[in-house]
């Protein structure tokens, strides 16, 4: 999970689009 957050957040923040990350536990 920490590695996923570290890689996924920069990708989504860089889209310049409103987004949500829906983590289904």
PDBML (XML) file of the C-alpha atoms, coordinates in Angstrom:
<?xml version="1.0" encoding="UTF-8" ?>
<PDBx:datablock datablockName="MODEL"
   xmlns:PDBx="http://pdbml.pdb.org/schema/pdbx-v50.xsd"
   xmlns:xsi="http://www.w3.org/2001/XMLSchema-instance"
   xsi:schemaLocation="http://pdbml.pdb.org/schema/pdbx-v50.xsd pdbx-v50.xsd">
   <PDBx:atom_siteCategory>
      <PDBx:atom_site id="1">
         <PDBx:B_iso_or_equiv>0.00</PDBx:B_iso_or_equiv>
         <PDBx:Cartn_x>0.000</PDBx:Cartn_x>
         <PDBx:Cartn_y>0.000</PDBx:Cartn_y>
         <PDBx:Cartn_z>0.000</PDBx:Cartn_z>
         <PDBx:auth_asym_id>A</PDBx:auth_asym_id>
         <PDBx:auth_atom_id>CA</PDBx:auth_atom_id>
         <PDBx:auth_comp_id>UNK</PDBx:auth_comp_id>
         <PDBx:auth_seq_id>1</PDBx:auth_seq_id>
         <PDBx:group_PDB>ATOM</PDBx:group_PDB>
         <PDBx:label_alt_id xsi:nil="true" />
         <PDBx:label_asym_id>A</PDBx:label_asym_id>
         <PDBx:label_atom_id>CA</PDBx:label_atom_id>
         <PDBx:label_comp_id>UNK</PDBx:label_comp_id>
         <PDBx:label_entity_id>1</PDBx:label_entity_id>
         <PDBx:label_seq_id>1</PDBx:label_seq_id>
         <PDBx:occupancy>1.00</PDBx:occupancy>
         <PDBx:pdbx_PDB_model_num>1</PDBx:pdbx_PDB_model_num>
         <PDBx:type_symbol>C</PDBx:type_symbol>
      </PDBx:atom_site>
      <PDBx:atom_site id="2">
         <PDBx:B_iso_or_equiv>0.00</PDBx:B_iso_or_equiv>
         <PDBx:Cartn_x>2.690</PDBx:Cartn_x>
         <PDBx:Cartn_y>2.649</PDBx:Cartn_y>
         <PDBx:Cartn_z>0.768</PDBx:Cartn_z>
         <PDBx:auth_asym_id>A</PDBx:auth_asym_id>
         <PDBx:auth_atom_id>CA</PDBx:auth_atom_id>
         <PDBx:auth_comp_id>UNK</PDBx:auth_comp_id>
         <PDBx:auth_seq_id>2</PDBx:auth_seq_id>
         <PDBx:group_PDB>ATOM</PDBx:group_PDB>
         <PDBx:label_alt_id xsi:nil="true" />
         <PDBx:label_asym_id>A</PDBx:label_asym_id>
         <PDBx:label_atom_id>CA</PDBx:label_atom_id>
         <PDBx:label_comp_id>UNK</PDBx:label_comp_id>
         <PDBx:label_entity_id>1</PDBx:label_entity_id>
         <PDBx:label_seq_id>2</PDBx:label_seq_id>
         <PDBx:occupancy>1.00</PDBx:occupancy>
         <PDBx:pdbx_PDB_model_num>1</PDBx:pdbx_PDB_model_num>
         <PDBx:type_symbol>C</PDBx:type_symbol>
      </PDBx:atom_site>
      <PDBx:atom_site id="3">
         <PDBx:B_iso_or_equiv>0.00</PDBx:B_iso_or_equiv>
         <PDBx:Cartn_x>4.319</PDBx:Cartn_x>
         <PDBx:Cartn_y>1.968</PDBx:Cartn_y>
         <PDBx:Cartn_z>-2.610</PDBx:Cartn_z>
         <PDBx:auth_asym_id>A</PDBx:auth_asym_id>
         <PDBx:auth_atom_id>CA</PDBx:auth_atom_id>
         <PDBx:auth_comp_id>UNK</PDBx:auth_comp_id>
         <PDBx:auth_seq_id>3</PDBx:auth_seq_id>
         <PDBx:group_PDB>ATOM</PDBx:group_PDB>
         <PDBx:label_alt_id xsi:nil="true" />
         <PDBx:label_asym_id>A</PDBx:label_asym_id>
         <PDBx:label_atom_id>CA</PDBx:label_atom_id>
         <PDBx:label_comp_id>UNK</PDBx:label_comp_id>
         <PDBx:label_entity_id>1</PDBx:label_entity_id>
         <PDBx:label_seq_id>3</PDBx:label_seq_id>
         <PDBx:occupancy>1.00</PDBx:occupancy>
         <PDBx:pdbx_PDB_model_num>1</PDBx:pdbx_PDB_model_num>
         <PDBx:type_symbol>C</PDBx:type_symbol>
      </PDBx:atom_site>
      <PDBx:atom_site id="4">
         <PDBx:B_iso_or_equiv>0.00</PDBx:B_iso_or_equiv>
         <PDBx:Cartn_x>0.961</PDBx:Cartn_x>
         <PDBx:Cartn_y>2.185</PDBx:Cartn_y>
         <PDBx:Cartn_z>-4.368</PDBx:Cartn_z>
         <PDBx:auth_asym_id>A</PDBx:auth_asym_id>
         <PDBx:auth_atom_id>CA</PDBx:auth_atom_id>
         <PDBx:auth_comp_id>UNK</PDBx:auth_comp_id>
         <PDBx:auth_seq_id>4</PDBx:auth_seq_id>
         <PDBx:group_PDB>ATOM</PDBx:group_PDB>
         <PDBx:label_alt_id xsi:nil="true" />
         <PDBx:label_asym_id>A</PDBx:label_asym_id>
         <PDBx:label_atom_id>CA</PDBx:label_atom_id>
         <PDBx:label_comp_id>UNK</PDBx:label_comp_id>
         <PDBx:label_entity_id>1</PDBx:label_entity_id>
         <PDBx:label_seq_id>4</PDBx:label_seq_id>
         <PDBx:occupancy>1.00</PDBx:occupancy>
         <PDBx:pdbx_PDB_model_num>1</PDBx:pdbx_PDB_model_num>
         <PDBx:type_symbol>C</PDBx:type_symbol>
      </PDBx:atom_site>
      <PDBx:atom_site id="5">
         <PDBx:B_iso_or_equiv>0.00</PDBx:B_iso_or_equiv>
         <PDBx:Cartn_x>0.231</PDBx:Cartn_x>
         <PDBx:Cartn_y>5.574</PDBx:Cartn_y>
         <PDBx:Cartn_z>-2.785</PDBx:Cartn_z>
         <PDBx:auth_asym_id>A</PDBx:auth_asym_id>
         <PDBx:auth_atom_id>CA</PDBx:auth_atom_id>
         <PDBx:auth_comp_id>UNK</PDBx:auth_comp_id>
         <PDBx:auth_seq_id>5</PDBx:auth_seq_id>
         <PDBx:group_PDB>ATOM</PDBx:group_PDB>
         <PDBx:label_alt_id xsi:nil="true" />
         <PDBx:label_asym_id>A</PDBx:label_asym_id>
         <PDBx:label_atom_id>CA</PDBx:label_atom_id>
         <PDBx:label_comp_id>UNK</PDBx:label_comp_id>
         <PDBx:label_entity_id>1</PDBx:label_entity_id>
         <PDBx:label_seq_id>5</PDBx:label_seq_id>
         <PDBx:occupancy>1.00</PDBx:occupancy>
         <PDBx:pdbx_PDB_model_num>1</PDBx:pdbx_PDB_model_num>
         <PDBx:type_symbol>C</PDBx:type_symbol>
      </PDBx:atom_site>
      <PDBx:atom_site id="6">
         <PDBx:B_iso_or_equiv>0.00</PDBx:B_iso_or_equiv>
         <PDBx:Cartn_x>3.712</PDBx:Cartn_x>
         <PDBx:Cartn_y>6.867</PDBx:Cartn_y>
         <PDBx:Cartn_z>-3.660</PDBx:Cartn_z>
         <PDBx:auth_asym_id>A</PDBx:auth_asym_id>
         <PDBx:auth_atom_id>CA</PDBx:auth_atom_id>
         <PDBx:auth_comp_id>UNK</PDBx:auth_comp_id>
         <PDBx:auth_seq_id>6</PDBx:auth_seq_id>
         <PDBx:group_PDB>ATOM</PDBx:group_PDB>
         <PDBx:label_alt_id xsi:nil="true" />
         <PDBx:label_asym_id>A</PDBx:label_asym_id>
         <PDBx:label_atom_id>CA</PDBx:label_atom_id>
         <PDBx:label_comp_id>UNK</PDBx:label_comp_id>
         <PDBx:label_entity_id>1</PDBx:label_entity_id>
         <PDBx:label_seq_id>6</PDBx:label_seq_id>
         <PDBx:occupancy>1.00</PDBx:occupancy>
         <PDBx:pdbx_PDB_model_num>1</PDBx:pdbx_PDB_model_num>
         <PDBx:type_symbol>C</PDBx:type_symbol>
      </PDBx:atom_site>
      <PDBx:atom_site id="7">
         <PDBx:B_iso_or_equiv>0.00</PDBx:B_iso_or_equiv>
         <PDBx:Cartn_x>3.302</PDBx:Cartn_x>
         <PDBx:Cartn_y>5.954</PDBx:Cartn_y>
         <PDBx:Cartn_z>-7.350</PDBx:Cartn_z>
         <PDBx:auth_asym_id>A</PDBx:auth_asym_id>
         <PDBx:auth_atom_id>CA</PDBx:auth_atom_id>
         <PDBx:auth_comp_id>UNK</PDBx:auth_comp_id>
         <PDBx:auth_seq_id>7</PDBx:auth_seq_id>
         <PDBx:group_PDB>ATOM</PDBx:group_PDB>
         <PDBx:label_alt_id xsi:nil="true" />
         <PDBx:label_asym_id>A</PDBx:label_asym_id>
         <PDBx:label_atom_id>CA</PDBx:label_atom_id>
         <PDBx:label_comp_id>UNK</PDBx:label_comp_id>
         <PDBx:label_entity_id>1</PDBx:label_entity_id>
         <PDBx:label_seq_id>7</PDBx:label_seq_id>
         <PDBx:occupancy>1.00</PDBx:occupancy>
         <PDBx:pdbx_PDB_model_num>1</PDBx:pdbx_PDB_model_num>
         <PDBx:type_symbol>C</PDBx:type_symbol>
      </PDBx:atom_site>
      <PDBx:atom_site id="8">
         <PDBx:B_iso_or_equiv>0.00</PDBx:B_iso_or_equiv>
         <PDBx:Cartn_x>-0.404</PDBx:Cartn_x>
         <PDBx:Cartn_y>6.545</PDBx:Cartn_y>
         <PDBx:Cartn_z>-7.910</PDBx:Cartn_z>
         <PDBx:auth_asym_id>A</PDBx:auth_asym_id>
         <PDBx:auth_atom_id>CA</PDBx:auth_atom_id>
         <PDBx:auth_comp_id>UNK</PDBx:auth_comp_id>
         <PDBx:auth_seq_id>8</PDBx:auth_seq_id>
         <PDBx:group_PDB>ATOM</PDBx:group_PDB>
         <PDBx:label_alt_id xsi:nil="true" />
         <PDBx:label_asym_id>A</PDBx:label_asym_id>
         <PDBx:label_atom_id>CA</PDBx:label_atom_id>
         <PDBx:label_comp_id>UNK</PDBx:label_comp_id>
         <PDBx:label_entity_id>1</PDBx:label_entity_id>
         <PDBx:label_seq_id>8</PDBx:label_seq_id>
         <PDBx:occupancy>1.00</PDBx:occupancy>
         <PDBx:pdbx_PDB_model_num>1</PDBx:pdbx_PDB_model_num>
         <PDBx:type_symbol>C</PDBx:type_symbol>
      </PDBx:atom_site>
      <PDBx:atom_site id="9">
         <PDBx:B_iso_or_equiv>0.00</PDBx:B_iso_or_equiv>
         <PDBx:Cartn_x>-0.849</PDBx:Cartn_x>
         <PDBx:Cartn_y>9.968</PDBx:Cartn_y>
         <PDBx:Cartn_z>-6.330</PDBx:Cartn_z>
         <PDBx:auth_asym_id>A</PDBx:auth_asym_id>
         <PDBx:auth_atom_id>CA</PDBx:auth_atom_id>
         <PDBx:auth_comp_id>UNK</PDBx:auth_comp_id>
         <PDBx:auth_seq_id>9</PDBx:auth_seq_id>
         <PDBx:group_PDB>ATOM</PDBx:group_PDB>
         <PDBx:label_alt_id xsi:nil="true" />
         <PDBx:label_asym_id>A</PDBx:label_asym_id>
         <PDBx:label_atom_id>CA</PDBx:label_atom_id>
         <PDBx:label_comp_id>UNK</PDBx:label_comp_id>
         <PDBx:label_entity_id>1</PDBx:label_entity_id>
         <PDBx:label_seq_id>9</PDBx:label_seq_id>
         <PDBx:occupancy>1.00</PDBx:occupancy>
         <PDBx:pdbx_PDB_model_num>1</PDBx:pdbx_PDB_model_num>
         <PDBx:type_symbol>C</PDBx:type_symbol>
      </PDBx:atom_site>
      <PDBx:atom_site id="10">
         <PDBx:B_iso_or_equiv>0.00</PDBx:B_iso_or_equiv>
         <PDBx:Cartn_x>1.643</PDBx:Cartn_x>
         <PDBx:Cartn_y>11.822</PDBx:Cartn_y>
         <PDBx:Cartn_z>-8.570</PDBx:Cartn_z>
         <PDBx:auth_asym_id>A</PDBx:auth_asym_id>
         <PDBx:auth_atom_id>CA</PDBx:auth_atom_id>
         <PDBx:auth_comp_id>UNK</PDBx:auth_comp_id>
         <PDBx:auth_seq_id>10</PDBx:auth_seq_id>
         <PDBx:group_PDB>ATOM</PDBx:group_PDB>
         <PDBx:label_alt_id xsi:nil="true" />
         <PDBx:label_asym_id>A</PDBx:label_asym_id>
         <PDBx:label_atom_id>CA</PDBx:label_atom_id>
         <PDBx:label_comp_id>UNK</PDBx:label_comp_id>
         <PDBx:label_entity_id>1</PDBx:label_entity_id>
         <PDBx:label_seq_id>10</PDBx:label_seq_id>
         <PDBx:occupancy>1.00</PDBx:occupancy>
         <PDBx:pdbx_PDB_model_num>1</PDBx:pdbx_PDB_model_num>
         <PDBx:type_symbol>C</PDBx:type_symbol>
      </PDBx:atom_site>
      <PDBx:atom_site id="11">
         <PDBx:B_iso_or_equiv>0.00</PDBx:B_iso_or_equiv>
         <PDBx:Cartn_x>-0.014</PDBx:Cartn_x>
         <PDBx:Cartn_y>10.275</PDBx:Cartn_y>
         <PDBx:Cartn_z>-11.625</PDBx:Cartn_z>
         <PDBx:auth_asym_id>A</PDBx:auth_asym_id>
         <PDBx:auth_atom_id>CA</PDBx:auth_atom_id>
         <PDBx:auth_comp_id>UNK</PDBx:auth_comp_id>
         <PDBx:auth_seq_id>11</PDBx:auth_seq_id>
         <PDBx:group_PDB>ATOM</PDBx:group_PDB>
         <PDBx:label_alt_id xsi:nil="true" />
         <PDBx:label_asym_id>A</PDBx:label_asym_id>
         <PDBx:label_atom_id>CA</PDBx:label_atom_id>
         <PDBx:label_comp_id>UNK</PDBx:label_comp_id>
         <PDBx:label_entity_id>1</PDBx:label_entity_id>
         <PDBx:label_seq_id>11</PDBx:label_seq_id>
         <PDBx:occupancy>1.00</PDBx:occupancy>
         <PDBx:pdbx_PDB_model_num>1</PDBx:pdbx_PDB_model_num>
         <PDBx:type_symbol>C</PDBx:type_symbol>
      </PDBx:atom_site>
      <PDBx:atom_site id="12">
         <PDBx:B_iso_or_equiv>0.00</PDBx:B_iso_or_equiv>
         <PDBx:Cartn_x>-3.506</PDBx:Cartn_x>
         <PDBx:Cartn_y>11.378</PDBx:Cartn_y>
         <PDBx:Cartn_z>-10.595</PDBx:Cartn_z>
         <PDBx:auth_asym_id>A</PDBx:auth_asym_id>
         <PDBx:auth_atom_id>CA</PDBx:auth_atom_id>
         <PDBx:auth_comp_id>UNK</PDBx:auth_comp_id>
         <PDBx:auth_seq_id>12</PDBx:auth_seq_id>
         <PDBx:group_PDB>ATOM</PDBx:group_PDB>
         <PDBx:label_alt_id xsi:nil="true" />
         <PDBx:label_asym_id>A</PDBx:label_asym_id>
         <PDBx:label_atom_id>CA</PDBx:label_atom_id>
         <PDBx:label_comp_id>UNK</PDBx:label_comp_id>
         <PDBx:label_entity_id>1</PDBx:label_entity_id>
         <PDBx:label_seq_id>12</PDBx:label_seq_id>
         <PDBx:occupancy>1.00</PDBx:occupancy>
         <PDBx:pdbx_PDB_model_num>1</PDBx:pdbx_PDB_model_num>
         <PDBx:type_symbol>C</PDBx:type_symbol>
      </PDBx:atom_site>
      <PDBx:atom_site id="13">
         <PDBx:B_iso_or_equiv>0.00</PDBx:B_iso_or_equiv>
         <PDBx:Cartn_x>-2.425</PDBx:Cartn_x>
         <PDBx:Cartn_y>14.806</PDBx:Cartn_y>
         <PDBx:Cartn_z>-9.362</PDBx:Cartn_z>
         <PDBx:auth_asym_id>A</PDBx:auth_asym_id>
         <PDBx:auth_atom_id>CA</PDBx:auth_atom_id>
         <PDBx:auth_comp_id>UNK</PDBx:auth_comp_id>
         <PDBx:auth_seq_id>13</PDBx:auth_seq_id>
         <PDBx:group_PDB>ATOM</PDBx:group_PDB>
         <PDBx:label_alt_id xsi:nil="true" />
         <PDBx:label_asym_id>A</PDBx:label_asym_id>
         <PDBx:label_atom_id>CA</PDBx:label_atom_id>
         <PDBx:label_comp_id>UNK</PDBx:label_comp_id>
         <PDBx:label_entity_id>1</PDBx:label_entity_id>
         <PDBx:label_seq_id>13</PDBx:label_seq_id>
         <PDBx:occupancy>1.00</PDBx:occupancy>
         <PDBx:pdbx_PDB_model_num>1</PDBx:pdbx_PDB_model_num>
         <PDBx:type_symbol>C</PDBx:type_symbol>
      </PDBx:atom_site>
      <PDBx:atom_site id="14">
         <PDBx:B_iso_or_equiv>0.00</PDBx:B_iso_or_equiv>
         <PDBx:Cartn_x>-0.674</PDBx:Cartn_x>
         <PDBx:Cartn_y>15.361</PDBx:Cartn_y>
         <PDBx:Cartn_z>-12.683</PDBx:Cartn_z>
         <PDBx:auth_asym_id>A</PDBx:auth_asym_id>
         <PDBx:auth_atom_id>CA</PDBx:auth_atom_id>
         <PDBx:auth_comp_id>UNK</PDBx:auth_comp_id>
         <PDBx:auth_seq_id>14</PDBx:auth_seq_id>
         <PDBx:group_PDB>ATOM</PDBx:group_PDB>
         <PDBx:label_alt_id xsi:nil="true" />
         <PDBx:label_asym_id>A</PDBx:label_asym_id>
         <PDBx:label_atom_id>CA</PDBx:label_atom_id>
         <PDBx:label_comp_id>UNK</PDBx:label_comp_id>
         <PDBx:label_entity_id>1</PDBx:label_entity_id>
         <PDBx:label_seq_id>14</PDBx:label_seq_id>
         <PDBx:occupancy>1.00</PDBx:occupancy>
         <PDBx:pdbx_PDB_model_num>1</PDBx:pdbx_PDB_model_num>
         <PDBx:type_symbol>C</PDBx:type_symbol>
      </PDBx:atom_site>
      <PDBx:atom_site id="15">
         <PDBx:B_iso_or_equiv>0.00</PDBx:B_iso_or_equiv>
         <PDBx:Cartn_x>-3.850</PDBx:Cartn_x>
         <PDBx:Cartn_y>14.833</PDBx:Cartn_y>
         <PDBx:Cartn_z>-14.703</PDBx:Cartn_z>
         <PDBx:auth_asym_id>A</PDBx:auth_asym_id>
         <PDBx:auth_atom_id>CA</PDBx:auth_atom_id>
         <PDBx:auth_comp_id>UNK</PDBx:auth_comp_id>
         <PDBx:auth_seq_id>15</PDBx:auth_seq_id>
         <PDBx:group_PDB>ATOM</PDBx:group_PDB>
         <PDBx:label_alt_id xsi:nil="true" />
         <PDBx:label_asym_id>A</PDBx:label_asym_id>
         <PDBx:label_atom_id>CA</PDBx:label_atom_id>
         <PDBx:label_comp_id>UNK</PDBx:label_comp_id>
         <PDBx:label_entity_id>1</PDBx:label_entity_id>
         <PDBx:label_seq_id>15</PDBx:label_seq_id>
         <PDBx:occupancy>1.00</PDBx:occupancy>
         <PDBx:pdbx_PDB_model_num>1</PDBx:pdbx_PDB_model_num>
         <PDBx:type_symbol>C</PDBx:type_symbol>
      </PDBx:atom_site>
      <PDBx:atom_site id="16">
         <PDBx:B_iso_or_equiv>0.00</PDBx:B_iso_or_equiv>
         <PDBx:Cartn_x>-5.163</PDBx:Cartn_x>
         <PDBx:Cartn_y>18.305</PDBx:Cartn_y>
         <PDBx:Cartn_z>-13.842</PDBx:Cartn_z>
         <PDBx:auth_asym_id>A</PDBx:auth_asym_id>
         <PDBx:auth_atom_id>CA</PDBx:auth_atom_id>
         <PDBx:auth_comp_id>UNK</PDBx:auth_comp_id>
         <PDBx:auth_seq_id>16</PDBx:auth_seq_id>
         <PDBx:group_PDB>ATOM</PDBx:group_PDB>
         <PDBx:label_alt_id xsi:nil="true" />
         <PDBx:label_asym_id>A</PDBx:label_asym_id>
         <PDBx:label_atom_id>CA</PDBx:label_atom_id>
         <PDBx:label_comp_id>UNK</PDBx:label_comp_id>
         <PDBx:label_entity_id>1</PDBx:label_entity_id>
         <PDBx:label_seq_id>16</PDBx:label_seq_id>
         <PDBx:occupancy>1.00</PDBx:occupancy>
         <PDBx:pdbx_PDB_model_num>1</PDBx:pdbx_PDB_model_num>
         <PDBx:type_symbol>C</PDBx:type_symbol>
      </PDBx:atom_site>
      <PDBx:atom_site id="17">
         <PDBx:B_iso_or_equiv>0.00</PDBx:B_iso_or_equiv>
         <PDBx:Cartn_x>-8.625</PDBx:Cartn_x>
         <PDBx:Cartn_y>16.739</PDBx:Cartn_y>
         <PDBx:Cartn_z>-13.518</PDBx:Cartn_z>
         <PDBx:auth_asym_id>A</PDBx:auth_asym_id>
         <PDBx:auth_atom_id>CA</PDBx:auth_atom_id>
         <PDBx:auth_comp_id>UNK</PDBx:auth_comp_id>
         <PDBx:auth_seq_id>17</PDBx:auth_seq_id>
         <PDBx:group_PDB>ATOM</PDBx:group_PDB>
         <PDBx:label_alt_id xsi:nil="true" />
         <PDBx:label_asym_id>A</PDBx:label_asym_id>
         <PDBx:label_atom_id>CA</PDBx:label_atom_id>
         <PDBx:label_comp_id>UNK</PDBx:label_comp_id>
         <PDBx:label_entity_id>1</PDBx:label_entity_id>
         <PDBx:label_seq_id>17</PDBx:label_seq_id>
         <PDBx:occupancy>1.00</PDBx:occupancy>
         <PDBx:pdbx_PDB_model_num>1</PDBx:pdbx_PDB_model_num>
         <PDBx:type_symbol>C</PDBx:type_symbol>
      </PDBx:atom_site>
      <PDBx:atom_site id="18">
         <PDBx:B_iso_or_equiv>0.00</PDBx:B_iso_or_equiv>
         <PDBx:Cartn_x>-10.936</PDBx:Cartn_x>
         <PDBx:Cartn_y>16.352</PDBx:Cartn_y>
         <PDBx:Cartn_z>-10.537</PDBx:Cartn_z>
         <PDBx:auth_asym_id>A</PDBx:auth_asym_id>
         <PDBx:auth_atom_id>CA</PDBx:auth_atom_id>
         <PDBx:auth_comp_id>UNK</PDBx:auth_comp_id>
         <PDBx:auth_seq_id>18</PDBx:auth_seq_id>
         <PDBx:group_PDB>ATOM</PDBx:group_PDB>
         <PDBx:label_alt_id xsi:nil="true" />
         <PDBx:label_asym_id>A</PDBx:label_asym_id>
         <PDBx:label_atom_id>CA</PDBx:label_atom_id>
         <PDBx:label_comp_id>UNK</PDBx:label_comp_id>
         <PDBx:label_entity_id>1</PDBx:label_entity_id>
         <PDBx:label_seq_id>18</PDBx:label_seq_id>
         <PDBx:occupancy>1.00</PDBx:occupancy>
         <PDBx:pdbx_PDB_model_num>1</PDBx:pdbx_PDB_model_num>
         <PDBx:type_symbol>C</PDBx:type_symbol>
      </PDBx:atom_site>
      <PDBx:atom_site id="19">
         <PDBx:B_iso_or_equiv>0.00</PDBx:B_iso_or_equiv>
         <PDBx:Cartn_x>-10.622</PDBx:Cartn_x>
         <PDBx:Cartn_y>12.747</PDBx:Cartn_y>
         <PDBx:Cartn_z>-9.389</PDBx:Cartn_z>
         <PDBx:auth_asym_id>A</PDBx:auth_asym_id>
         <PDBx:auth_atom_id>CA</PDBx:auth_atom_id>
         <PDBx:auth_comp_id>UNK</PDBx:auth_comp_id>
         <PDBx:auth_seq_id>19</PDBx:auth_seq_id>
         <PDBx:group_PDB>ATOM</PDBx:group_PDB>
         <PDBx:label_alt_id xsi:nil="true" />
         <PDBx:label_asym_id>A</PDBx:label_asym_id>
         <PDBx:label_atom_id>CA</PDBx:label_atom_id>
         <PDBx:label_comp_id>UNK</PDBx:label_comp_id>
         <PDBx:label_entity_id>1</PDBx:label_entity_id>
         <PDBx:label_seq_id>19</PDBx:label_seq_id>
         <PDBx:occupancy>1.00</PDBx:occupancy>
         <PDBx:pdbx_PDB_model_num>1</PDBx:pdbx_PDB_model_num>
         <PDBx:type_symbol>C</PDBx:type_symbol>
      </PDBx:atom_site>
      <PDBx:atom_site id="20">
         <PDBx:B_iso_or_equiv>0.00</PDBx:B_iso_or_equiv>
         <PDBx:Cartn_x>-11.316</PDBx:Cartn_x>
         <PDBx:Cartn_y>10.311</PDBx:Cartn_y>
         <PDBx:Cartn_z>-6.596</PDBx:Cartn_z>
         <PDBx:auth_asym_id>A</PDBx:auth_asym_id>
         <PDBx:auth_atom_id>CA</PDBx:auth_atom_id>
         <PDBx:auth_comp_id>UNK</PDBx:auth_comp_id>
         <PDBx:auth_seq_id>20</PDBx:auth_seq_id>
         <PDBx:group_PDB>ATOM</PDBx:group_PDB>
         <PDBx:label_alt_id xsi:nil="true" />
         <PDBx:label_asym_id>A</PDBx:label_asym_id>
         <PDBx:label_atom_id>CA</PDBx:label_atom_id>
         <PDBx:label_comp_id>UNK</PDBx:label_comp_id>
         <PDBx:label_entity_id>1</PDBx:label_entity_id>
         <PDBx:label_seq_id>20</PDBx:label_seq_id>
         <PDBx:occupancy>1.00</PDBx:occupancy>
         <PDBx:pdbx_PDB_model_num>1</PDBx:pdbx_PDB_model_num>
         <PDBx:type_symbol>C</PDBx:type_symbol>
      </PDBx:atom_site>
      <PDBx:atom_site id="21">
         <PDBx:B_iso_or_equiv>0.00</PDBx:B_iso_or_equiv>
         <PDBx:Cartn_x>-9.348</PDBx:Cartn_x>
         <PDBx:Cartn_y>7.245</PDBx:Cartn_y>
         <PDBx:Cartn_z>-5.613</PDBx:Cartn_z>
         <PDBx:auth_asym_id>A</PDBx:auth_asym_id>
         <PDBx:auth_atom_id>CA</PDBx:auth_atom_id>
         <PDBx:auth_comp_id>UNK</PDBx:auth_comp_id>
         <PDBx:auth_seq_id>21</PDBx:auth_seq_id>
         <PDBx:group_PDB>ATOM</PDBx:group_PDB>
         <PDBx:label_alt_id xsi:nil="true" />
         <PDBx:label_asym_id>A</PDBx:label_asym_id>
         <PDBx:label_atom_id>CA</PDBx:label_atom_id>
         <PDBx:label_comp_id>UNK</PDBx:label_comp_id>
         <PDBx:label_entity_id>1</PDBx:label_entity_id>
         <PDBx:label_seq_id>21</PDBx:label_seq_id>
         <PDBx:occupancy>1.00</PDBx:occupancy>
         <PDBx:pdbx_PDB_model_num>1</PDBx:pdbx_PDB_model_num>
         <PDBx:type_symbol>C</PDBx:type_symbol>
      </PDBx:atom_site>
      <PDBx:atom_site id="22">
         <PDBx:B_iso_or_equiv>0.00</PDBx:B_iso_or_equiv>
         <PDBx:Cartn_x>-11.854</PDBx:Cartn_x>
         <PDBx:Cartn_y>4.675</PDBx:Cartn_y>
         <PDBx:Cartn_z>-4.395</PDBx:Cartn_z>
         <PDBx:auth_asym_id>A</PDBx:auth_asym_id>
         <PDBx:auth_atom_id>CA</PDBx:auth_atom_id>
         <PDBx:auth_comp_id>UNK</PDBx:auth_comp_id>
         <PDBx:auth_seq_id>22</PDBx:auth_seq_id>
         <PDBx:group_PDB>ATOM</PDBx:group_PDB>
         <PDBx:label_alt_id xsi:nil="true" />
         <PDBx:label_asym_id>A</PDBx:label_asym_id>
         <PDBx:label_atom_id>CA</PDBx:label_atom_id>
         <PDBx:label_comp_id>UNK</PDBx:label_comp_id>
         <PDBx:label_entity_id>1</PDBx:label_entity_id>
         <PDBx:label_seq_id>22</PDBx:label_seq_id>
         <PDBx:occupancy>1.00</PDBx:occupancy>
         <PDBx:pdbx_PDB_model_num>1</PDBx:pdbx_PDB_model_num>
         <PDBx:type_symbol>C</PDBx:type_symbol>
      </PDBx:atom_site>
      <PDBx:atom_site id="23">
         <PDBx:B_iso_or_equiv>0.00</PDBx:B_iso_or_equiv>
         <PDBx:Cartn_x>-10.042</PDBx:Cartn_x>
         <PDBx:Cartn_y>2.059</PDBx:Cartn_y>
         <PDBx:Cartn_z>-2.313</PDBx:Cartn_z>
         <PDBx:auth_asym_id>A</PDBx:auth_asym_id>
         <PDBx:auth_atom_id>CA</PDBx:auth_atom_id>
         <PDBx:auth_comp_id>UNK</PDBx:auth_comp_id>
         <PDBx:auth_seq_id>23</PDBx:auth_seq_id>
         <PDBx:group_PDB>ATOM</PDBx:group_PDB>
         <PDBx:label_alt_id xsi:nil="true" />
         <PDBx:label_asym_id>A</PDBx:label_asym_id>
         <PDBx:label_atom_id>CA</PDBx:label_atom_id>
         <PDBx:label_comp_id>UNK</PDBx:label_comp_id>
         <PDBx:label_entity_id>1</PDBx:label_entity_id>
         <PDBx:label_seq_id>23</PDBx:label_seq_id>
         <PDBx:occupancy>1.00</PDBx:occupancy>
         <PDBx:pdbx_PDB_model_num>1</PDBx:pdbx_PDB_model_num>
         <PDBx:type_symbol>C</PDBx:type_symbol>
      </PDBx:atom_site>
      <PDBx:atom_site id="24">
         <PDBx:B_iso_or_equiv>0.00</PDBx:B_iso_or_equiv>
         <PDBx:Cartn_x>-12.315</PDBx:Cartn_x>
         <PDBx:Cartn_y>-0.946</PDBx:Cartn_y>
         <PDBx:Cartn_z>-1.737</PDBx:Cartn_z>
         <PDBx:auth_asym_id>A</PDBx:auth_asym_id>
         <PDBx:auth_atom_id>CA</PDBx:auth_atom_id>
         <PDBx:auth_comp_id>UNK</PDBx:auth_comp_id>
         <PDBx:auth_seq_id>24</PDBx:auth_seq_id>
         <PDBx:group_PDB>ATOM</PDBx:group_PDB>
         <PDBx:label_alt_id xsi:nil="true" />
         <PDBx:label_asym_id>A</PDBx:label_asym_id>
         <PDBx:label_atom_id>CA</PDBx:label_atom_id>
         <PDBx:label_comp_id>UNK</PDBx:label_comp_id>
         <PDBx:label_entity_id>1</PDBx:label_entity_id>
         <PDBx:label_seq_id>24</PDBx:label_seq_id>
         <PDBx:occupancy>1.00</PDBx:occupancy>
         <PDBx:pdbx_PDB_model_num>1</PDBx:pdbx_PDB_model_num>
         <PDBx:type_symbol>C</PDBx:type_symbol>
      </PDBx:atom_site>
      <PDBx:atom_site id="25">
         <PDBx:B_iso_or_equiv>0.00</PDBx:B_iso_or_equiv>
         <PDBx:Cartn_x>-11.140</PDBx:Cartn_x>
         <PDBx:Cartn_y>-2.700</PDBx:Cartn_y>
         <PDBx:Cartn_z>1.412</PDBx:Cartn_z>
         <PDBx:auth_asym_id>A</PDBx:auth_asym_id>
         <PDBx:auth_atom_id>CA</PDBx:auth_atom_id>
         <PDBx:auth_comp_id>UNK</PDBx:auth_comp_id>
         <PDBx:auth_seq_id>25</PDBx:auth_seq_id>
         <PDBx:group_PDB>ATOM</PDBx:group_PDB>
         <PDBx:label_alt_id xsi:nil="true" />
         <PDBx:label_asym_id>A</PDBx:label_asym_id>
         <PDBx:label_atom_id>CA</PDBx:label_atom_id>
         <PDBx:label_comp_id>UNK</PDBx:label_comp_id>
         <PDBx:label_entity_id>1</PDBx:label_entity_id>
         <PDBx:label_seq_id>25</PDBx:label_seq_id>
         <PDBx:occupancy>1.00</PDBx:occupancy>
         <PDBx:pdbx_PDB_model_num>1</PDBx:pdbx_PDB_model_num>
         <PDBx:type_symbol>C</PDBx:type_symbol>
      </PDBx:atom_site>
   </PDBx:atom_siteCategory>
</PDBx:datablock>
